[in-house]
Amino acid sequence: MIPRLMLLLAAFLPLTVIAQDTAKTQTSDQKDLSSRPACQYCPNPDYPLEARKAKIESASVRLEITVTEKGDADPRDIRVVEDPGSGFADKAIIAVKKWKFKPATLKSGKPVKTRVKVEVTFRDTN
């Protein structure tokens, strides 16, 4: 009953990097990045009961999220890009809020806030 989870950070749209300054926000180009965010703790989402009752065996949800300088998914900045319905998006959002990332860094080594797209894949193993 454990759904498999797949995180695709690099396969989607180019990243926009937001470097926080004390007084303003700056946007950097992808070329300024030394590394992209990498999920280090990615617990599997719960499989939606609605989907299980409908006998849906698998689905994927795409989310656009902001990974903070500390490596958290900013819970105020999660946007659903693709939702197959049946409760999958809600379960994906709940799971992603718990994920921990190695944050993106600039070439200087400074961690930066970064927008990325992630894909959460569900498979019902019942």
N, C-alpha and C. Protein backbone atom coordinates (compact mmCIF):
# COMPACT_ATOMS: atom_id res chain seq x y z
N MET A 1 0.80 -1.20 0.00
CA MET A 1 0.00 0.00 0.00
C MET A 1 0.84 1.26 0.00
N ILE A 2 2.11 1.11 -0.11
CA ILE A 2 2.96 2.30 -0.10
C ILE A 2 3.10 2.83 -1.52
N PRO A 3 2.62 4.04 -1.77
CA PRO A 3 2.76 4.60 -3.11
C PRO A 3 4.21 4.96 -3.38
N ARG A 4 4.58 4.84 -4.62
CA ARG A 4 5.94 5.24 -5.01
C ARG A 4 5.93 6.72 -5.31
N LEU A 5 7.03 7.33 -5.01
CA LEU A 5 7.13 8.77 -5.15
C LEU A 5 8.28 9.11 -6.06
N MET A 6 8.02 9.98 -7.02
CA MET A 6 9.08 10.37 -7.94
C MET A 6 9.16 11.88 -7.99
N LEU A 7 10.35 12.37 -7.81
CA LEU A 7 10.57 13.81 -7.81
C LEU A 7 11.38 14.17 -9.03
N LEU A 8 10.83 15.03 -9.87
CA LEU A 8 11.53 15.46 -11.08
C LEU A 8 11.76 16.96 -10.98
N LEU A 9 12.95 17.33 -10.56
CA LEU A 9 13.24 18.75 -10.39
C LEU A 9 13.81 19.38 -11.64
N ALA A 10 14.63 18.66 -12.36
CA ALA A 10 15.36 19.28 -13.46
C ALA A 10 14.67 19.14 -14.80
N ALA A 11 13.65 18.31 -14.91
CA ALA A 11 13.08 17.99 -16.21
C ALA A 11 12.08 19.02 -16.72
N PHE A 12 11.68 19.94 -15.88
CA PHE A 12 10.64 20.86 -16.30
C PHE A 12 11.20 22.23 -16.64
N LEU A 13 10.39 23.23 -16.52
CA LEU A 13 10.76 24.58 -16.94
C LEU A 13 12.02 25.07 -16.24
N PRO A 14 12.75 25.98 -16.88
CA PRO A 14 13.93 26.55 -16.23
C PRO A 14 13.57 27.18 -14.89
N LEU A 15 14.51 27.12 -14.00
CA LEU A 15 14.29 27.63 -12.65
C LEU A 15 14.43 29.14 -12.59
N THR A 16 13.65 29.75 -11.75
CA THR A 16 13.82 31.15 -11.43
C THR A 16 14.35 31.21 -10.01
N VAL A 17 15.42 31.89 -9.83
CA VAL A 17 16.03 31.98 -8.51
C VAL A 17 15.70 33.33 -7.90
N ILE A 18 15.30 33.32 -6.65
CA ILE A 18 14.98 34.55 -5.96
C ILE A 18 15.95 34.67 -4.79
N ALA A 19 16.83 35.64 -4.84
CA ALA A 19 17.78 35.86 -3.75
C ALA A 19 17.21 36.92 -2.83
N GLN A 20 17.06 36.61 -1.56
CA GLN A 20 16.47 37.56 -0.61
C GLN A 20 17.52 38.54 -0.13
N ASP A 21 17.23 39.78 -0.26
CA ASP A 21 18.05 40.87 0.26
C ASP A 21 17.25 41.45 1.42
N THR A 22 17.88 42.19 2.31
CA THR A 22 17.14 42.73 3.45
C THR A 22 16.05 43.71 3.03
N ALA A 23 16.26 44.45 1.97
CA ALA A 23 15.29 45.47 1.59
C ALA A 23 14.52 45.14 0.31
N LYS A 24 15.04 44.24 -0.50
CA LYS A 24 14.38 43.97 -1.78
C LYS A 24 14.62 42.53 -2.20
N THR A 25 13.91 42.11 -3.22
CA THR A 25 14.07 40.77 -3.78
C THR A 25 14.70 40.90 -5.15
N GLN A 26 15.72 40.10 -5.39
CA GLN A 26 16.37 40.10 -6.69
C GLN A 26 16.11 38.76 -7.37
N THR A 27 16.04 38.78 -8.68
CA THR A 27 15.89 37.55 -9.44
C THR A 27 17.19 37.29 -10.19
N SER A 28 17.70 36.07 -10.06
CA SER A 28 18.93 35.69 -10.75
C SER A 28 18.60 34.74 -11.88
N ASP A 29 19.48 34.67 -12.86
CA ASP A 29 19.33 33.73 -13.95
C ASP A 29 19.80 32.35 -13.49
N GLN A 30 19.33 31.32 -14.20
CA GLN A 30 19.73 29.96 -13.89
C GLN A 30 21.25 29.80 -13.97
N LYS A 31 21.90 30.57 -14.82
CA LYS A 31 23.36 30.47 -14.97
C LYS A 31 24.09 30.85 -13.69
N ASP A 32 23.41 31.57 -12.78
CA ASP A 32 24.02 31.96 -11.51
C ASP A 32 24.01 30.83 -10.48
N LEU A 33 23.27 29.75 -10.77
CA LEU A 33 23.18 28.65 -9.82
C LEU A 33 24.39 27.73 -9.89
N SER A 34 24.85 27.34 -8.72
CA SER A 34 25.89 26.31 -8.62
C SER A 34 25.22 24.95 -8.47
N SER A 35 24.08 24.91 -7.76
CA SER A 35 23.34 23.66 -7.60
C SER A 35 21.85 23.95 -7.53
N ARG A 36 21.07 22.96 -7.91
CA ARG A 36 19.61 23.05 -7.84
C ARG A 36 19.14 22.36 -6.56
N PRO A 37 17.91 22.60 -6.15
CA PRO A 37 17.42 21.92 -4.95
C PRO A 37 17.34 20.41 -5.19
N ALA A 38 17.61 19.65 -4.15
CA ALA A 38 17.51 18.19 -4.22
C ALA A 38 16.76 17.72 -2.97
N CYS A 39 15.73 16.93 -3.18
CA CYS A 39 14.94 16.44 -2.05
C CYS A 39 15.75 15.39 -1.29
N GLN A 40 15.88 15.61 0.02
CA GLN A 40 16.65 14.68 0.85
C GLN A 40 15.75 13.87 1.77
N TYR A 41 14.60 14.38 2.11
CA TYR A 41 13.62 13.66 2.91
C TYR A 41 12.28 13.86 2.22
N CYS A 42 11.80 12.81 1.58
CA CYS A 42 10.60 12.92 0.75
C CYS A 42 9.62 11.80 1.10
N PRO A 43 8.91 11.91 2.23
CA PRO A 43 7.98 10.84 2.59
C PRO A 43 6.87 10.69 1.55
N ASN A 44 6.46 9.44 1.37
CA ASN A 44 5.41 9.14 0.41
C ASN A 44 4.08 9.75 0.85
N PRO A 45 3.29 10.21 -0.10
CA PRO A 45 1.97 10.73 0.25
C PRO A 45 1.01 9.57 0.55
N ASP A 46 -0.04 9.88 1.28
CA ASP A 46 -1.11 8.90 1.49
C ASP A 46 -1.90 8.78 0.19
N TYR A 47 -2.36 7.57 -0.11
CA TYR A 47 -3.17 7.37 -1.31
C TYR A 47 -4.59 7.84 -1.00
N PRO A 48 -5.18 8.65 -1.88
CA PRO A 48 -6.52 9.18 -1.60
C PRO A 48 -7.58 8.07 -1.55
N LEU A 49 -8.40 8.10 -0.52
CA LEU A 49 -9.47 7.12 -0.37
C LEU A 49 -10.44 7.18 -1.55
N GLU A 50 -10.74 8.39 -1.99
CA GLU A 50 -11.65 8.57 -3.14
C GLU A 50 -11.11 7.85 -4.38
N ALA A 51 -9.81 7.94 -4.61
CA ALA A 51 -9.18 7.28 -5.77
C ALA A 51 -9.19 5.77 -5.60
N ARG A 52 -8.94 5.30 -4.38
CA ARG A 52 -8.95 3.85 -4.12
C ARG A 52 -10.35 3.29 -4.36
N LYS A 53 -11.38 4.00 -3.87
CA LYS A 53 -12.76 3.55 -4.08
C LYS A 53 -13.11 3.52 -5.56
N ALA A 54 -12.56 4.45 -6.33
CA ALA A 54 -12.81 4.51 -7.78
C ALA A 54 -11.91 3.54 -8.54
N LYS A 55 -11.07 2.79 -7.81
CA LYS A 55 -10.15 1.79 -8.40
C LYS A 55 -9.16 2.42 -9.37
N ILE A 56 -8.72 3.62 -9.05
CA ILE A 56 -7.68 4.28 -9.84
C ILE A 56 -6.35 3.76 -9.31
N GLU A 57 -5.57 3.12 -10.16
CA GLU A 57 -4.34 2.45 -9.72
C GLU A 57 -3.13 3.36 -9.65
N SER A 58 -3.11 4.43 -10.45
CA SER A 58 -1.95 5.33 -10.42
C SER A 58 -2.34 6.70 -10.96
N ALA A 59 -1.55 7.68 -10.58
CA ALA A 59 -1.77 9.05 -11.05
C ALA A 59 -0.55 9.88 -10.70
N SER A 60 -0.44 11.02 -11.34
CA SER A 60 0.64 11.96 -11.04
C SER A 60 0.06 13.36 -10.87
N VAL A 61 0.66 14.09 -9.95
CA VAL A 61 0.30 15.48 -9.71
C VAL A 61 1.55 16.31 -9.92
N ARG A 62 1.44 17.38 -10.68
CA ARG A 62 2.56 18.31 -10.84
C ARG A 62 2.27 19.56 -10.01
N LEU A 63 3.28 19.95 -9.25
CA LEU A 63 3.18 21.13 -8.41
C LEU A 63 4.32 22.07 -8.73
N GLU A 64 4.08 23.35 -8.59
CA GLU A 64 5.15 24.34 -8.65
C GLU A 64 5.31 24.85 -7.22
N ILE A 65 6.53 24.74 -6.70
CA ILE A 65 6.78 25.09 -5.31
C ILE A 65 7.97 26.03 -5.19
N THR A 66 8.07 26.67 -4.05
CA THR A 66 9.26 27.44 -3.72
C THR A 66 10.01 26.69 -2.64
N VAL A 67 11.28 26.41 -2.91
CA VAL A 67 12.16 25.80 -1.92
C VAL A 67 12.94 26.95 -1.28
N THR A 68 12.82 27.08 0.03
CA THR A 68 13.46 28.19 0.74
C THR A 68 14.96 27.97 0.88
N GLU A 69 15.63 29.01 1.36
CA GLU A 69 17.07 28.93 1.60
C GLU A 69 17.40 27.88 2.65
N LYS A 70 16.44 27.55 3.50
CA LYS A 70 16.65 26.55 4.55
C LYS A 70 16.29 25.14 4.09
N GLY A 71 15.76 25.02 2.87
CA GLY A 71 15.46 23.70 2.32
C GLY A 71 14.05 23.20 2.56
N ASP A 72 13.15 24.09 2.97
CA ASP A 72 11.75 23.71 3.17
C ASP A 72 10.93 24.12 1.95
N ALA A 73 9.85 23.39 1.70
CA ALA A 73 8.88 23.83 0.70
C ALA A 73 8.03 24.89 1.39
N ASP A 74 8.00 26.09 0.84
CA ASP A 74 7.23 27.19 1.44
C ASP A 74 5.75 26.83 1.35
N PRO A 75 5.08 26.58 2.49
CA PRO A 75 3.68 26.14 2.45
C PRO A 75 2.73 27.19 1.89
N ARG A 76 3.16 28.45 1.84
CA ARG A 76 2.31 29.53 1.30
C ARG A 76 2.47 29.67 -0.20
N ASP A 77 3.40 28.91 -0.78
CA ASP A 77 3.71 29.10 -2.20
C ASP A 77 3.78 27.75 -2.93
N ILE A 78 2.68 27.03 -2.88
CA ILE A 78 2.55 25.76 -3.60
C ILE A 78 1.38 25.92 -4.56
N ARG A 79 1.65 25.68 -5.84
CA ARG A 79 0.61 25.84 -6.86
C ARG A 79 0.45 24.54 -7.63
N VAL A 80 -0.78 24.11 -7.82
CA VAL A 80 -1.07 22.89 -8.58
C VAL A 80 -0.99 23.23 -10.07
N VAL A 81 -0.17 22.48 -10.80
CA VAL A 81 -0.01 22.68 -12.24
C VAL A 81 -0.87 21.67 -13.00
N GLU A 82 -0.84 20.40 -12.56
CA GLU A 82 -1.66 19.35 -13.16
C GLU A 82 -2.27 18.51 -12.05
N ASP A 83 -3.59 18.32 -12.12
CA ASP A 83 -4.31 17.57 -11.10
C ASP A 83 -5.26 16.58 -11.77
N PRO A 84 -5.07 15.27 -11.53
CA PRO A 84 -5.97 14.29 -12.12
C PRO A 84 -7.30 14.18 -11.38
N GLY A 85 -7.48 14.93 -10.29
CA GLY A 85 -8.71 14.85 -9.51
C GLY A 85 -8.66 13.72 -8.51
N SER A 86 -9.80 13.33 -7.98
CA SER A 86 -9.95 12.22 -7.03
C SER A 86 -9.13 12.38 -5.76
N GLY A 87 -8.82 13.61 -5.38
CA GLY A 87 -8.12 13.87 -4.13
C GLY A 87 -6.61 13.80 -4.19
N PHE A 88 -6.04 13.54 -5.38
CA PHE A 88 -4.59 13.41 -5.49
C PHE A 88 -3.84 14.71 -5.17
N ALA A 89 -4.33 15.84 -5.65
CA ALA A 89 -3.61 17.11 -5.43
C ALA A 89 -3.52 17.44 -3.95
N ASP A 90 -4.61 17.25 -3.22
CA ASP A 90 -4.59 17.54 -1.78
C ASP A 90 -3.55 16.69 -1.06
N LYS A 91 -3.51 15.40 -1.39
CA LYS A 91 -2.55 14.49 -0.75
C LYS A 91 -1.12 14.84 -1.15
N ALA A 92 -0.91 15.26 -2.39
CA ALA A 92 0.43 15.65 -2.84
C ALA A 92 0.90 16.90 -2.10
N ILE A 93 0.03 17.87 -1.93
CA ILE A 93 0.39 19.11 -1.22
C ILE A 93 0.73 18.82 0.23
N ILE A 94 -0.06 17.99 0.89
CA ILE A 94 0.22 17.62 2.29
C ILE A 94 1.60 16.98 2.40
N ALA A 95 1.93 16.08 1.47
CA ALA A 95 3.23 15.40 1.50
C ALA A 95 4.38 16.37 1.24
N VAL A 96 4.25 17.21 0.22
CA VAL A 96 5.34 18.12 -0.16
C VAL A 96 5.65 19.12 0.95
N LYS A 97 4.66 19.50 1.73
CA LYS A 97 4.90 20.41 2.85
C LYS A 97 5.84 19.79 3.89
N LYS A 98 5.96 18.48 3.90
CA LYS A 98 6.83 17.78 4.86
C LYS A 98 8.23 17.51 4.29
N TRP A 99 8.39 17.68 2.99
CA TRP A 99 9.67 17.36 2.36
C TRP A 99 10.76 18.31 2.83
N LYS A 100 11.99 17.80 2.86
CA LYS A 100 13.17 18.60 3.18
C LYS A 100 14.15 18.51 2.01
N PHE A 101 14.62 19.67 1.58
CA PHE A 101 15.50 19.76 0.42
C PHE A 101 16.88 20.26 0.82
N LYS A 102 17.86 19.90 0.02
CA LYS A 102 19.14 20.61 0.03
C LYS A 102 18.85 21.81 -0.87
N PRO A 103 18.98 23.04 -0.35
CA PRO A 103 18.57 24.21 -1.15
C PRO A 103 19.50 24.46 -2.34
N ALA A 104 18.98 25.18 -3.31
CA ALA A 104 19.80 25.63 -4.43
C ALA A 104 20.84 26.60 -3.90
N THR A 105 21.98 26.66 -4.57
CA THR A 105 23.01 27.61 -4.16
C THR A 105 23.50 28.39 -5.37
N LEU A 106 23.91 29.61 -5.11
CA LEU A 106 24.56 30.42 -6.13
C LEU A 106 25.99 29.95 -6.27
N LYS A 107 26.67 30.41 -7.31
CA LYS A 107 28.08 30.05 -7.51
C LYS A 107 28.93 30.49 -6.33
N SER A 108 28.48 31.50 -5.60
CA SER A 108 29.20 31.97 -4.41
C SER A 108 29.04 31.01 -3.23
N GLY A 109 28.11 30.04 -3.36
CA GLY A 109 27.86 29.10 -2.28
C GLY A 109 26.68 29.48 -1.40
N LYS A 110 26.12 30.66 -1.63
CA LYS A 110 25.00 31.14 -0.81
C LYS A 110 23.71 30.40 -1.19
N PRO A 111 23.01 29.82 -0.19
CA PRO A 111 21.71 29.19 -0.48
C PRO A 111 20.70 30.25 -0.91
N VAL A 112 19.84 29.89 -1.87
CA VAL A 112 18.84 30.83 -2.37
C VAL A 112 17.48 30.16 -2.49
N LYS A 113 16.45 30.98 -2.36
CA LYS A 113 15.07 30.55 -2.58
C LYS A 113 14.89 30.29 -4.07
N THR A 114 14.23 29.18 -4.41
CA THR A 114 14.12 28.76 -5.81
C THR A 114 12.73 28.22 -6.12
N ARG A 115 12.18 28.59 -7.27
CA ARG A 115 10.91 28.02 -7.76
C ARG A 115 11.25 26.80 -8.61
N VAL A 116 10.58 25.68 -8.33
CA VAL A 116 10.77 24.47 -9.11
C VAL A 116 9.43 23.77 -9.31
N LYS A 117 9.39 22.90 -10.30
CA LYS A 117 8.23 22.04 -10.49
C LYS A 117 8.62 20.65 -10.01
N VAL A 118 7.69 20.02 -9.30
CA VAL A 118 7.90 18.66 -8.83
C VAL A 118 6.72 17.81 -9.29
N GLU A 119 6.97 16.54 -9.44
CA GLU A 119 5.91 15.60 -9.81
C GLU A 119 5.81 14.56 -8.71
N VAL A 120 4.62 14.39 -8.18
CA VAL A 120 4.36 13.37 -7.17
C VAL A 120 3.57 12.27 -7.86
N THR A 121 4.14 11.06 -7.89
CA THR A 121 3.50 9.93 -8.56
C THR A 121 2.92 8.98 -7.53
N PHE A 122 1.68 8.61 -7.73
CA PHE A 122 0.97 7.70 -6.84
C PHE A 122 0.76 6.36 -7.55
N ARG A 123 0.97 5.26 -6.81
CA ARG A 123 0.64 3.92 -7.29
C ARG A 123 -0.02 3.17 -6.13
N ASP A 124 -1.21 2.65 -6.38
CA ASP A 124 -1.90 1.88 -5.35
C ASP A 124 -1.44 0.44 -5.48
N THR A 125 -0.85 -0.09 -4.43
CA THR A 125 -0.32 -1.45 -4.48
C THR A 125 -1.29 -2.47 -3.89
N ASN A 126 -2.53 -2.09 -3.66
CA ASN A 126 -3.55 -3.04 -3.17
C ASN A 126 -3.94 -4.01 -4.24
